Amino acid sequence: MSQLPKPVVFVDVDDTLVRSFGTKRIPITAVVDKVRALHAAGYTIYCWSSGGSEYCRSTAEDLGIAHCFVGFLPKPQILIDDQHPSDWRLLKWLHTNEVDGFPDDQDENGTG
């Protein structure tokens, strides 16, 4: 039986990779480390933000993890699909505080 490819991971910027206090931006180390680990494990990772693709890229560069991402995207504002995202059978949403459990609590296909 062939294995499914590892899931594609989309990582947000604000309050996921970094927290902002005034003009200071503080890395969320657990998530930055998880991005590095997922990249090393062969996951396909995109960085996205409502701040846009250049904001994503510059933040990832500041954090030293730009090489971990295959692309930098704005978050979608309109989604055209035949299914509602809640019906996507392989979609898993993780809060920033839950990142330590991924993918350790996954089966080898990353599907839970």
PDB file of N, CA and C in Angstrom:
ATOM      1  N   MET A   1       0.835  -1.170   0.000  1.00  0.00           N
ATOM      2  CA  MET A   1       0.000   0.000   0.000  1.00  0.00           C
ATOM      3  C   MET A   1       0.887   1.243   0.000  1.00  0.00           C
ATOM      4  N   SER A   2       0.645   2.170  -0.890  1.00  0.00           N
ATOM      5  CA  SER A   2       1.473   3.358  -0.975  1.00  0.00           C
ATOM      6  C   SER A   2       1.057   4.375   0.090  1.00  0.00           C
ATOM      7  N   GLN A   3       2.034   5.085   0.580  1.00  0.00           N
ATOM      8  CA  GLN A   3       1.795   6.101   1.593  1.00  0.00           C
ATOM      9  C   GLN A   3       1.370   7.402   0.939  1.00  0.00           C
ATOM     10  N   LEU A   4       0.514   8.121   1.624  1.00  0.00           N
ATOM     11  CA  LEU A   4       0.175   9.463   1.187  1.00  0.00           C
ATOM     12  C   LEU A   4       1.368  10.366   1.456  1.00  0.00           C
ATOM     13  N   PRO A   5       1.545  11.412   0.652  1.00  0.00           N
ATOM     14  CA  PRO A   5       2.635  12.342   0.957  1.00  0.00           C
ATOM     15  C   PRO A   5       2.360  13.059   2.278  1.00  0.00           C
ATOM     16  N   LYS A   6       3.409  13.578   2.873  1.00  0.00           N
ATOM     17  CA  LYS A   6       3.240  14.336   4.115  1.00  0.00           C
ATOM     18  C   LYS A   6       2.337  15.541   3.837  1.00  0.00           C
ATOM     19  N   PRO A   7       1.589  15.967   4.853  1.00  0.00           N
ATOM     20  CA  PRO A   7       0.693  17.112   4.654  1.00  0.00           C
ATOM     21  C   PRO A   7       1.458  18.375   4.290  1.00  0.00           C
ATOM     22  N   VAL A   8       0.793  19.227   3.545  1.00  0.00           N
ATOM     23  CA  VAL A   8       1.312  20.566   3.266  1.00  0.00           C
ATOM     24  C   VAL A   8       0.919  21.437   4.446  1.00  0.00           C
ATOM     25  N   VAL A   9       1.863  22.203   4.967  1.00  0.00           N
ATOM     26  CA  VAL A   9       1.648  23.000   6.175  1.00  0.00           C
ATOM     27  C   VAL A   9       1.680  24.487   5.814  1.00  0.00           C
ATOM     28  N   PHE A  10       0.683  25.232   6.299  1.00  0.00           N
ATOM     29  CA  PHE A  10       0.633  26.678   6.150  1.00  0.00           C
ATOM     30  C   PHE A  10       0.825  27.294   7.527  1.00  0.00           C
ATOM     31  N   VAL A  11       1.794  28.185   7.657  1.00  0.00           N
ATOM     32  CA  VAL A  11       2.126  28.792   8.942  1.00  0.00           C
ATOM     33  C   VAL A  11       1.875  30.293   8.864  1.00  0.00           C
ATOM     34  N   ASP A  12       1.101  30.796   9.799  1.00  0.00           N
ATOM     35  CA  ASP A  12       0.800  32.220   9.901  1.00  0.00           C
ATOM     36  C   ASP A  12       1.988  32.962  10.524  1.00  0.00           C
ATOM     37  N   VAL A  13       1.968  34.279  10.423  1.00  0.00           N
ATOM     38  CA  VAL A  13       3.054  35.094  10.977  1.00  0.00           C
ATOM     39  C   VAL A  13       2.675  35.661  12.351  1.00  0.00           C
ATOM     40  N   ASP A  14       1.735  36.602  12.380  1.00  0.00           N
ATOM     41  CA  ASP A  14       1.420  37.325  13.613  1.00  0.00           C
ATOM     42  C   ASP A  14       0.750  36.428  14.638  1.00  0.00           C
ATOM     43  N   ASP A  15       1.301  36.429  15.826  1.00  0.00           N
ATOM     44  CA  ASP A  15       0.851  35.624  16.961  1.00  0.00           C
ATOM     45  C   ASP A  15       0.996  34.124  16.711  1.00  0.00           C
ATOM     46  N   THR A  16       1.778  33.779  15.688  1.00  0.00           N
ATOM     47  CA  THR A  16       2.117  32.380  15.429  1.00  0.00           C
ATOM     48  C   THR A  16       3.645  32.248  15.367  1.00  0.00           C
ATOM     49  N   LEU A  17       4.277  32.959  14.438  1.00  0.00           N
ATOM     50  CA  LEU A  17       5.743  32.984  14.392  1.00  0.00           C
ATOM     51  C   LEU A  17       6.325  34.070  15.294  1.00  0.00           C
ATOM     52  N   VAL A  18       5.627  35.200  15.389  1.00  0.00           N
ATOM     53  CA  VAL A  18       6.093  36.322  16.211  1.00  0.00           C
ATOM     54  C   VAL A  18       4.923  36.962  16.949  1.00  0.00           C
ATOM     55  N   ARG A  19       5.248  37.545  18.103  1.00  0.00           N
ATOM     56  CA  ARG A  19       4.300  38.388  18.838  1.00  0.00           C
ATOM     57  C   ARG A  19       4.837  39.803  18.794  1.00  0.00           C
ATOM     58  N   SER A  20       3.947  40.753  18.681  1.00  0.00           N
ATOM     59  CA  SER A  20       4.355  42.160  18.636  1.00  0.00           C
ATOM     60  C   SER A  20       3.939  42.880  19.909  1.00  0.00           C
ATOM     61  N   PHE A  21       4.868  43.631  20.461  1.00  0.00           N
ATOM     62  CA  PHE A  21       4.619  44.511  21.594  1.00  0.00           C
ATOM     63  C   PHE A  21       5.123  45.886  21.186  1.00  0.00           C
ATOM     64  N   GLY A  22       4.183  46.748  20.782  1.00  0.00           N
ATOM     65  CA  GLY A  22       4.573  48.045  20.241  1.00  0.00           C
ATOM     66  C   GLY A  22       5.339  47.818  18.948  1.00  0.00           C
ATOM     67  N   THR A  23       6.560  48.320  18.887  1.00  0.00           N
ATOM     68  CA  THR A  23       7.380  48.144  17.687  1.00  0.00           C
ATOM     69  C   THR A  23       8.303  46.932  17.787  1.00  0.00           C
ATOM     70  N   LYS A  24       8.293  46.271  18.952  1.00  0.00           N
ATOM     71  CA  LYS A  24       9.163  45.112  19.150  1.00  0.00           C
ATOM     72  C   LYS A  24       8.441  43.838  18.728  1.00  0.00           C
ATOM     73  N   ARG A  25       9.143  42.972  17.977  1.00  0.00           N
ATOM     74  CA  ARG A  25       8.600  41.671  17.563  1.00  0.00           C
ATOM     75  C   ARG A  25       9.417  40.583  18.238  1.00  0.00           C
ATOM     76  N   ILE A  26       8.708  39.683  18.905  1.00  0.00           N
ATOM     77  CA  ILE A  26       9.358  38.623  19.673  1.00  0.00           C
ATOM     78  C   ILE A  26       9.044  37.275  19.030  1.00  0.00           C
ATOM     79  N   PRO A  27      10.063  36.530  18.642  1.00  0.00           N
ATOM     80  CA  PRO A  27       9.821  35.211  18.043  1.00  0.00           C
ATOM     81  C   PRO A  27       9.116  34.274  19.023  1.00  0.00           C
ATOM     82  N   ILE A  28       8.217  33.462  18.510  1.00  0.00           N
ATOM     83  CA  ILE A  28       7.607  32.392  19.296  1.00  0.00           C
ATOM     84  C   ILE A  28       8.460  31.160  19.014  1.00  0.00           C
ATOM     85  N   THR A  29       9.414  30.943  19.893  1.00  0.00           N
ATOM     86  CA  THR A  29      10.476  29.977  19.679  1.00  0.00           C
ATOM     87  C   THR A  29       9.972  28.576  19.374  1.00  0.00           C
ATOM     88  N   ALA A  30       8.932  28.136  20.076  1.00  0.00           N
ATOM     89  CA  ALA A  30       8.430  26.774  19.850  1.00  0.00           C
ATOM     90  C   ALA A  30       7.964  26.588  18.413  1.00  0.00           C
ATOM     91  N   VAL A  31       7.336  27.607  17.845  1.00  0.00           N
ATOM     92  CA  VAL A  31       6.838  27.499  16.471  1.00  0.00           C
ATOM     93  C   VAL A  31       7.990  27.613  15.481  1.00  0.00           C
ATOM     94  N   VAL A  32       8.914  28.522  15.723  1.00  0.00           N
ATOM     95  CA  VAL A  32      10.084  28.664  14.847  1.00  0.00           C
ATOM     96  C   VAL A  32      10.865  27.346  14.821  1.00  0.00           C
ATOM     97  N   ASP A  33      11.060  26.753  15.989  1.00  0.00           N
ATOM     98  CA  ASP A  33      11.763  25.460  16.057  1.00  0.00           C
ATOM     99  C   ASP A  33      10.977  24.369  15.330  1.00  0.00           C
ATOM    100  N   LYS A  34       9.641  24.394  15.452  1.00  0.00           N
ATOM    101  CA  LYS A  34       8.815  23.374  14.789  1.00  0.00           C
ATOM    102  C   LYS A  34       8.915  23.525  13.273  1.00  0.00           C
ATOM    103  N   VAL A  35       8.950  24.761  12.771  1.00  0.00           N
ATOM    104  CA  VAL A  35       9.112  24.975  11.329  1.00  0.00           C
ATOM    105  C   VAL A  35      10.423  24.363  10.864  1.00  0.00           C
ATOM    106  N   ARG A  36      11.484  24.592  11.608  1.00  0.00           N
ATOM    107  CA  ARG A  36      12.784  23.994  11.257  1.00  0.00           C
ATOM    108  C   ARG A  36      12.703  22.468  11.243  1.00  0.00           C
ATOM    109  N   ALA A  37      12.065  21.901  12.258  1.00  0.00           N
ATOM    110  CA  ALA A  37      11.957  20.440  12.356  1.00  0.00           C
ATOM    111  C   ALA A  37      11.105  19.863  11.231  1.00  0.00           C
ATOM    112  N   LEU A  38       9.995  20.508  10.911  1.00  0.00           N
ATOM    113  CA  LEU A  38       9.145  20.029   9.822  1.00  0.00           C
ATOM    114  C   LEU A  38       9.876  20.106   8.484  1.00  0.00           C
ATOM    115  N   HIS A  39      10.607  21.187   8.277  1.00  0.00           N
ATOM    116  CA  HIS A  39      11.401  21.325   7.050  1.00  0.00           C
ATOM    117  C   HIS A  39      12.434  20.194   6.966  1.00  0.00           C
ATOM    118  N   ALA A  40      13.126  19.944   8.071  1.00  0.00           N
ATOM    119  CA  ALA A  40      14.141  18.883   8.090  1.00  0.00           C
ATOM    120  C   ALA A  40      13.513  17.510   7.842  1.00  0.00           C
ATOM    121  N   ALA A  41      12.249  17.352   8.231  1.00  0.00           N
ATOM    122  CA  ALA A  41      11.559  16.074   8.043  1.00  0.00           C
ATOM    123  C   ALA A  41      10.917  15.949   6.664  1.00  0.00           C
ATOM    124  N   GLY A  42      11.080  16.984   5.825  1.00  0.00           N
ATOM    125  CA  GLY A  42      10.604  16.891   4.454  1.00  0.00           C
ATOM    126  C   GLY A  42       9.200  17.403   4.192  1.00  0.00           C
ATOM    127  N   TYR A  43       8.631  18.134   5.134  1.00  0.00           N
ATOM    128  CA  TYR A  43       7.302  18.709   4.907  1.00  0.00           C
ATOM    129  C   TYR A  43       7.388  19.884   3.933  1.00  0.00           C
ATOM    130  N   THR A  44       6.323  20.095   3.185  1.00  0.00           N
ATOM    131  CA  THR A  44       6.191  21.268   2.319  1.00  0.00           C
ATOM    132  C   THR A  44       5.506  22.339   3.155  1.00  0.00           C
ATOM    133  N   ILE A  45       6.174  23.475   3.324  1.00  0.00           N
ATOM    134  CA  ILE A  45       5.671  24.503   4.231  1.00  0.00           C
ATOM    135  C   ILE A  45       5.563  25.839   3.503  1.00  0.00           C
ATOM    136  N   TYR A  46       4.415  26.479   3.663  1.00  0.00           N
ATOM    137  CA  TYR A  46       4.175  27.825   3.157  1.00  0.00           C
ATOM    138  C   TYR A  46       3.999  28.767   4.337  1.00  0.00           C
ATOM    139  N   CYS A  47       4.435  29.980   4.169  1.00  0.00           N
ATOM    140  CA  CYS A  47       4.219  31.027   5.162  1.00  0.00           C
ATOM    141  C   CYS A  47       3.174  31.967   4.586  1.00  0.00           C
ATOM    142  N   TRP A  48       2.142  32.278   5.397  1.00  0.00           N
ATOM    143  CA  TRP A  48       1.111  33.183   4.905  1.00  0.00           C
ATOM    144  C   TRP A  48       0.672  34.142   5.995  1.00  0.00           C
ATOM    145  N   SER A  49       0.147  35.280   5.555  1.00  0.00           N
ATOM    146  CA  SER A  49      -0.303  36.301   6.500  1.00  0.00           C
ATOM    147  C   SER A  49      -1.232  37.267   5.795  1.00  0.00           C
ATOM    148  N   SER A  50      -2.141  37.830   6.554  1.00  0.00           N
ATOM    149  CA  SER A  50      -2.982  38.887   5.988  1.00  0.00           C
ATOM    150  C   SER A  50      -2.135  40.124   5.687  1.00  0.00           C
ATOM    151  N   GLY A  51      -0.911  40.166   6.212  1.00  0.00           N
ATOM    152  CA  GLY A  51       0.014  41.262   5.907  1.00  0.00           C
ATOM    153  C   GLY A  51       0.642  41.158   4.530  1.00  0.00           C
ATOM    154  N   GLY A  52       0.448  40.035   3.844  1.00  0.00           N
ATOM    155  CA  GLY A  52       0.949  39.877   2.485  1.00  0.00           C
ATOM    156  C   GLY A  52       2.223  39.074   2.389  1.00  0.00           C
ATOM    157  N   SER A  53       2.573  38.747   1.157  1.00  0.00           N
ATOM    158  CA  SER A  53       3.701  37.846   0.906  1.00  0.00           C
ATOM    159  C   SER A  53       5.051  38.456   1.279  1.00  0.00           C
ATOM    160  N   GLU A  54       5.248  39.730   1.007  1.00  0.00           N
ATOM    161  CA  GLU A  54       6.540  40.347   1.347  1.00  0.00           C
ATOM    162  C   GLU A  54       6.732  40.426   2.856  1.00  0.00           C
ATOM    163  N   TYR A  55       5.653  40.687   3.569  1.00  0.00           N
ATOM    164  CA  TYR A  55       5.697  40.691   5.033  1.00  0.00           C
ATOM    165  C   TYR A  55       6.100  39.303   5.549  1.00  0.00           C
ATOM    166  N   CYS A  56       5.528  38.266   4.959  1.00  0.00           N
ATOM    167  CA  CYS A  56       5.890  36.890   5.323  1.00  0.00           C
ATOM    168  C   CYS A  56       7.369  36.634   5.080  1.00  0.00           C
ATOM    169  N   ARG A  57       7.804  36.980   3.889  1.00  0.00           N
ATOM    170  CA  ARG A  57       9.196  36.721   3.515  1.00  0.00           C
ATOM    171  C   ARG A  57      10.164  37.461   4.446  1.00  0.00           C
ATOM    172  N   SER A  58       9.907  38.734   4.703  1.00  0.00           N
ATOM    173  CA  SER A  58      10.829  39.508   5.542  1.00  0.00           C
ATOM    174  C   SER A  58      10.839  38.987   6.980  1.00  0.00           C
ATOM    175  N   THR A  59       9.698  38.569   7.484  1.00  0.00           N
ATOM    176  CA  THR A  59       9.653  38.001   8.827  1.00  0.00           C
ATOM    177  C   THR A  59      10.440  36.697   8.880  1.00  0.00           C
ATOM    178  N   ALA A  60      10.229  35.825   7.896  1.00  0.00           N
ATOM    179  CA  ALA A  60      10.957  34.558   7.857  1.00  0.00           C
ATOM    180  C   ALA A  60      12.460  34.800   7.730  1.00  0.00           C
ATOM    181  N   GLU A  61      12.851  35.777   6.945  1.00  0.00           N
ATOM    182  CA  GLU A  61      14.270  36.110   6.828  1.00  0.00           C
ATOM    183  C   GLU A  61      14.821  36.607   8.161  1.00  0.00           C
ATOM    184  N   ASP A  62      14.068  37.483   8.842  1.00  0.00           N
ATOM    185  CA  ASP A  62      14.494  37.982  10.155  1.00  0.00           C
ATOM    186  C   ASP A  62      14.681  36.844  11.156  1.00  0.00           C
ATOM    187  N   LEU A  63      13.844  35.815  11.047  1.00  0.00           N
ATOM    188  CA  LEU A  63      13.906  34.679  11.967  1.00  0.00           C
ATOM    189  C   LEU A  63      14.915  33.615  11.533  1.00  0.00           C
ATOM    190  N   GLY A  64      15.482  33.773  10.337  1.00  0.00           N
ATOM    191  CA  GLY A  64      16.461  32.804   9.832  1.00  0.00           C
ATOM    192  C   GLY A  64      15.842  31.502   9.354  1.00  0.00           C
ATOM    193  N   ILE A  65      14.554  31.554   8.954  1.00  0.00           N
ATOM    194  CA  ILE A  65      13.882  30.329   8.505  1.00  0.00           C
ATOM    195  C   ILE A  65      13.279  30.462   7.109  1.00  0.00           C
ATOM    196  N   ALA A  66      13.658  31.483   6.366  1.00  0.00           N
ATOM    197  CA  ALA A  66      13.086  31.673   5.026  1.00  0.00           C
ATOM    198  C   ALA A  66      13.328  30.447   4.142  1.00  0.00           C
ATOM    199  N   HIS A  67      14.448  29.784   4.306  1.00  0.00           N
ATOM    200  CA  HIS A  67      14.776  28.598   3.491  1.00  0.00           C
ATOM    201  C   HIS A  67      13.834  27.425   3.763  1.00  0.00           C
ATOM    202  N   CYS A  68      13.122  27.458   4.863  1.00  0.00           N
ATOM    203  CA  CYS A  68      12.213  26.363   5.226  1.00  0.00           C
ATOM    204  C   CYS A  68      10.907  26.398   4.432  1.00  0.00           C
ATOM    205  N   PHE A  69      10.595  27.532   3.830  1.00  0.00           N
ATOM    206  CA  PHE A  69       9.324  27.707   3.140  1.00  0.00           C
ATOM    207  C   PHE A  69       9.492  27.605   1.629  1.00  0.00           C
ATOM    208  N   VAL A  70       8.525  26.978   0.977  1.00  0.00           N
ATOM    209  CA  VAL A  70       8.552  26.907  -0.480  1.00  0.00           C
ATOM    210  C   VAL A  70       7.859  28.110  -1.103  1.00  0.00           C
ATOM    211  N   GLY A  71       7.113  28.875  -0.286  1.00  0.00           N
ATOM    212  CA  GLY A  71       6.446  30.052  -0.806  1.00  0.00           C
ATOM    213  C   GLY A  71       5.918  30.932   0.308  1.00  0.00           C
ATOM    214  N   PHE A  72       5.649  32.179  -0.064  1.00  0.00           N
ATOM    215  CA  PHE A  72       5.146  33.189   0.861  1.00  0.00           C
ATOM    216  C   PHE A  72       3.887  33.774   0.244  1.00  0.00           C
ATOM    217  N   LEU A  73       2.781  33.724   0.986  1.00  0.00           N
ATOM    218  CA  LEU A  73       1.475  34.052   0.421  1.00  0.00           C
ATOM    219  C   LEU A  73       0.682  34.987   1.327  1.00  0.00           C
ATOM    220  N   PRO A  74      -0.173  35.804   0.712  1.00  0.00           N
ATOM    221  CA  PRO A  74      -1.164  36.497   1.534  1.00  0.00           C
ATOM    222  C   PRO A  74      -2.236  35.484   1.931  1.00  0.00           C
ATOM    223  N   LYS A  75      -2.864  35.703   3.097  1.00  0.00           N
ATOM    224  CA  LYS A  75      -3.982  34.825   3.462  1.00  0.00           C
ATOM    225  C   LYS A  75      -5.130  35.083   2.502  1.00  0.00           C
ATOM    226  N   PRO A  76      -5.858  34.041   2.145  1.00  0.00           N
ATOM    227  CA  PRO A  76      -6.987  34.245   1.234  1.00  0.00           C
ATOM    228  C   PRO A  76      -8.099  35.049   1.903  1.00  0.00           C
ATOM    229  N   GLN A  77      -8.768  35.845   1.099  1.00  0.00           N
ATOM    230  CA  GLN A  77      -9.934  36.596   1.571  1.00  0.00           C
ATOM    231  C   GLN A  77     -11.211  36.014   0.980  1.00  0.00           C
ATOM    232  N   ILE A  78     -11.062  35.351  -0.135  1.00  0.00           N
ATOM    233  CA  ILE A  78     -12.181  34.665  -0.778  1.00  0.00           C
ATOM    234  C   ILE A  78     -11.684  33.287  -1.179  1.00  0.00           C
ATOM    235  N   LEU A  79     -12.463  32.283  -0.873  1.00  0.00           N
ATOM    236  CA  LEU A  79     -12.094  30.914  -1.183  1.00  0.00           C
ATOM    237  C   LEU A  79     -13.176  30.325  -2.073  1.00  0.00           C
ATOM    238  N   ILE A  80     -12.785  29.879  -3.250  1.00  0.00           N
ATOM    239  CA  ILE A  80     -13.725  29.243  -4.177  1.00  0.00           C
ATOM    240  C   ILE A  80     -13.366  27.769  -4.236  1.00  0.00           C
ATOM    241  N   ASP A  81     -14.272  26.949  -3.767  1.00  0.00           N
ATOM    242  CA  ASP A  81     -14.029  25.514  -3.685  1.00  0.00           C
ATOM    243  C   ASP A  81     -15.379  24.816  -3.654  1.00  0.00           C
ATOM    244  N   ASP A  82     -15.402  23.561  -4.024  1.00  0.00           N
ATOM    245  CA  ASP A  82     -16.668  22.825  -3.983  1.00  0.00           C
ATOM    246  C   ASP A  82     -16.990  22.343  -2.567  1.00  0.00           C
ATOM    247  N   GLN A  83     -16.044  22.483  -1.635  1.00  0.00           N
ATOM    248  CA  GLN A  83     -16.268  22.056  -0.259  1.00  0.00           C
ATOM    249  C   GLN A  83     -15.969  23.193   0.704  1.00  0.00           C
ATOM    250  N   HIS A  84     -16.709  23.211   1.805  1.00  0.00           N
ATOM    251  CA  HIS A  84     -16.396  24.138   2.886  1.00  0.00           C
ATOM    252  C   HIS A  84     -15.135  23.616   3.583  1.00  0.00           C
ATOM    253  N   PRO A  85     -14.241  24.486   4.032  1.00  0.00           N
ATOM    254  CA  PRO A  85     -13.019  23.999   4.690  1.00  0.00           C
ATOM    255  C   PRO A  85     -13.283  23.048   5.857  1.00  0.00           C
ATOM    256  N   SER A  86     -14.395  23.200   6.542  1.00  0.00           N
ATOM    257  CA  SER A  86     -14.697  22.274   7.639  1.00  0.00           C
ATOM    258  C   SER A  86     -14.955  20.854   7.139  1.00  0.00           C
ATOM    259  N   ASP A  87     -15.201  20.715   5.836  1.00  0.00           N
ATOM    260  CA  ASP A  87     -15.419  19.392   5.234  1.00  0.00           C
ATOM    261  C   ASP A  87     -14.143  18.792   4.631  1.00  0.00           C
ATOM    262  N   TRP A  88     -13.045  19.520   4.640  1.00  0.00           N
ATOM    263  CA  TRP A  88     -11.800  18.993   4.103  1.00  0.00           C
ATOM    264  C   TRP A  88     -11.332  17.880   5.027  1.00  0.00           C
ATOM    265  N   ARG A  89     -11.347  16.667   4.533  1.00  0.00           N
ATOM    266  CA  ARG A  89     -11.104  15.516   5.394  1.00  0.00           C
ATOM    267  C   ARG A  89      -9.686  15.453   5.953  1.00  0.00           C
ATOM    268  N   LEU A  90      -8.733  16.079   5.322  1.00  0.00           N
ATOM    269  CA  LEU A  90      -7.360  16.019   5.814  1.00  0.00           C
ATOM    270  C   LEU A  90      -6.894  17.311   6.482  1.00  0.00           C
ATOM    271  N   LEU A  91      -7.792  18.295   6.610  1.00  0.00           N
ATOM    272  CA  LEU A  91      -7.411  19.576   7.206  1.00  0.00           C
ATOM    273  C   LEU A  91      -7.378  19.459   8.718  1.00  0.00           C
ATOM    274  N   LYS A  92      -6.278  19.893   9.299  1.00  0.00           N
ATOM    275  CA  LYS A  92      -6.149  19.920  10.752  1.00  0.00           C
ATOM    276  C   LYS A  92      -5.666  21.300  11.145  1.00  0.00           C
ATOM    277  N   TRP A  93      -6.434  21.975  12.004  1.00  0.00           N
ATOM    278  CA  TRP A  93      -6.051  23.297  12.495  1.00  0.00           C
ATOM    279  C   TRP A  93      -5.396  23.139  13.846  1.00  0.00           C
ATOM    280  N   LEU A  94      -4.235  23.749  14.020  1.00  0.00           N
ATOM    281  CA  LEU A  94      -3.538  23.712  15.298  1.00  0.00           C
ATOM    282  C   LEU A  94      -3.350  25.132  15.801  1.00  0.00           C
ATOM    283  N   HIS A  95      -3.697  25.367  17.048  1.00  0.00           N
ATOM    284  CA  HIS A  95      -3.404  26.646  17.683  1.00  0.00           C
ATOM    285  C   HIS A  95      -1.897  26.696  17.933  1.00  0.00           C
ATOM    286  N   THR A  96      -1.369  27.886  18.006  1.00  0.00           N
ATOM    287  CA  THR A  96       0.060  28.064  18.253  1.00  0.00           C
ATOM    288  C   THR A  96       0.526  27.255  19.459  1.00  0.00           C
ATOM    289  N   ASN A  97      -0.293  27.189  20.496  1.00  0.00           N
ATOM    290  CA  ASN A  97       0.093  26.454  21.707  1.00  0.00           C
ATOM    291  C   ASN A  97       0.086  24.946  21.527  1.00  0.00           C
ATOM    292  N   GLU A  98      -0.467  24.447  20.427  1.00  0.00           N
ATOM    293  CA  GLU A  98      -0.547  23.008  20.180  1.00  0.00           C
ATOM    294  C   GLU A  98       0.537  22.493  19.242  1.00  0.00           C
ATOM    295  N   VAL A  99       1.419  23.351  18.815  1.00  0.00           N
ATOM    296  CA  VAL A  99       2.388  22.982  17.789  1.00  0.00           C
ATOM    297  C   VAL A  99       3.334  21.876  18.248  1.00  0.00           C
ATOM    298  N   ASP A 100       3.574  21.765  19.539  1.00  0.00           N
ATOM    299  CA  ASP A 100       4.472  20.719  20.025  1.00  0.00           C
ATOM    300  C   ASP A 100       3.932  19.317  19.767  1.00  0.00           C
ATOM    301  N   GLY A 101       2.616  19.164  19.637  1.00  0.00           N
ATOM    302  CA  GLY A 101       2.029  17.854  19.403  1.00  0.00           C
ATOM    303  C   GLY A 101       2.028  17.416  17.963  1.00  0.00           C
ATOM    304  N   PHE A 102       2.474  18.265  17.059  1.00  0.00           N
ATOM    305  CA  PHE A 102       2.454  17.935  15.636  1.00  0.00           C
ATOM    306  C   PHE A 102       3.880  17.726  15.161  1.00  0.00           C
ATOM    307  N   PRO A 103       4.189  16.712  14.412  1.00  0.00           N
ATOM    308  CA  PRO A 103       3.340  15.635  13.931  1.00  0.00           C
ATOM    309  C   PRO A 103       3.403  14.404  14.818  1.00  0.00           C
ATOM    310  N   ASP A 104       3.949  14.524  16.024  1.00  0.00           N
ATOM    311  CA  ASP A 104       4.139  13.353  16.890  1.00  0.00           C
ATOM    312  C   ASP A 104       2.855  12.575  17.142  1.00  0.00           C
ATOM    313  N   ASP A 105       1.689  13.247  17.150  1.00  0.00           N
ATOM    314  CA  ASP A 105       0.441  12.546  17.411  1.00  0.00           C
ATOM    315  C   ASP A 105      -0.232  12.098  16.120  1.00  0.00           C
ATOM    316  N   GLN A 106       0.496  12.144  15.025  1.00  0.00           N
ATOM    317  CA  GLN A 106      -0.038  11.785  13.713  1.00  0.00           C
ATOM    318  C   GLN A 106       0.399  10.369  13.348  1.00  0.00           C
ATOM    319  N   ASP A 107      -0.378   9.736  12.474  1.00  0.00           N
ATOM    320  CA  ASP A 107       0.126   8.483  11.922  1.00  0.00           C
ATOM    321  C   ASP A 107       1.172   8.833  10.858  1.00  0.00           C
ATOM    322  N   GLU A 108       1.752   7.861  10.233  1.00  0.00           N
ATOM    323  CA  GLU A 108       2.849   8.141   9.301  1.00  0.00           C
ATOM    324  C   GLU A 108       2.423   8.964   8.099  1.00  0.00           C
ATOM    325  N   ASN A 109       1.128   9.053   7.810  1.00  0.00           N
ATOM    326  CA  ASN A 109       0.635   9.890   6.715  1.00  0.00           C
ATOM    327  C   ASN A 109       0.231  11.269   7.194  1.00  0.00           C
ATOM    328  N   GLY A 110       0.374  11.530   8.504  1.00  0.00           N
ATOM    329  CA  GLY A 110       0.041  12.830   9.030  1.00  0.00           C
ATOM    330  C   GLY A 110      -1.442  13.113   9.098  1.00  0.00           C
ATOM    331  N   THR A 111      -2.257  12.081   9.118  1.00  0.00           N
ATOM    332  CA  THR A 111      -3.697  12.309   9.058  1.00  0.00           C
ATOM    333  C   THR A 111      -4.401  12.039  10.371  1.00  0.00           C
ATOM    334  N   GLY A 112      -3.700  11.767  11.438  1.00  0.00           N
ATOM    335  CA  GLY A 112      -4.313  11.650  12.750  1.00  0.00           C
ATOM    336  C   GLY A 112      -4.730  10.299  13.169  1.00  0.00           C
TER     337      GLY A 112
END
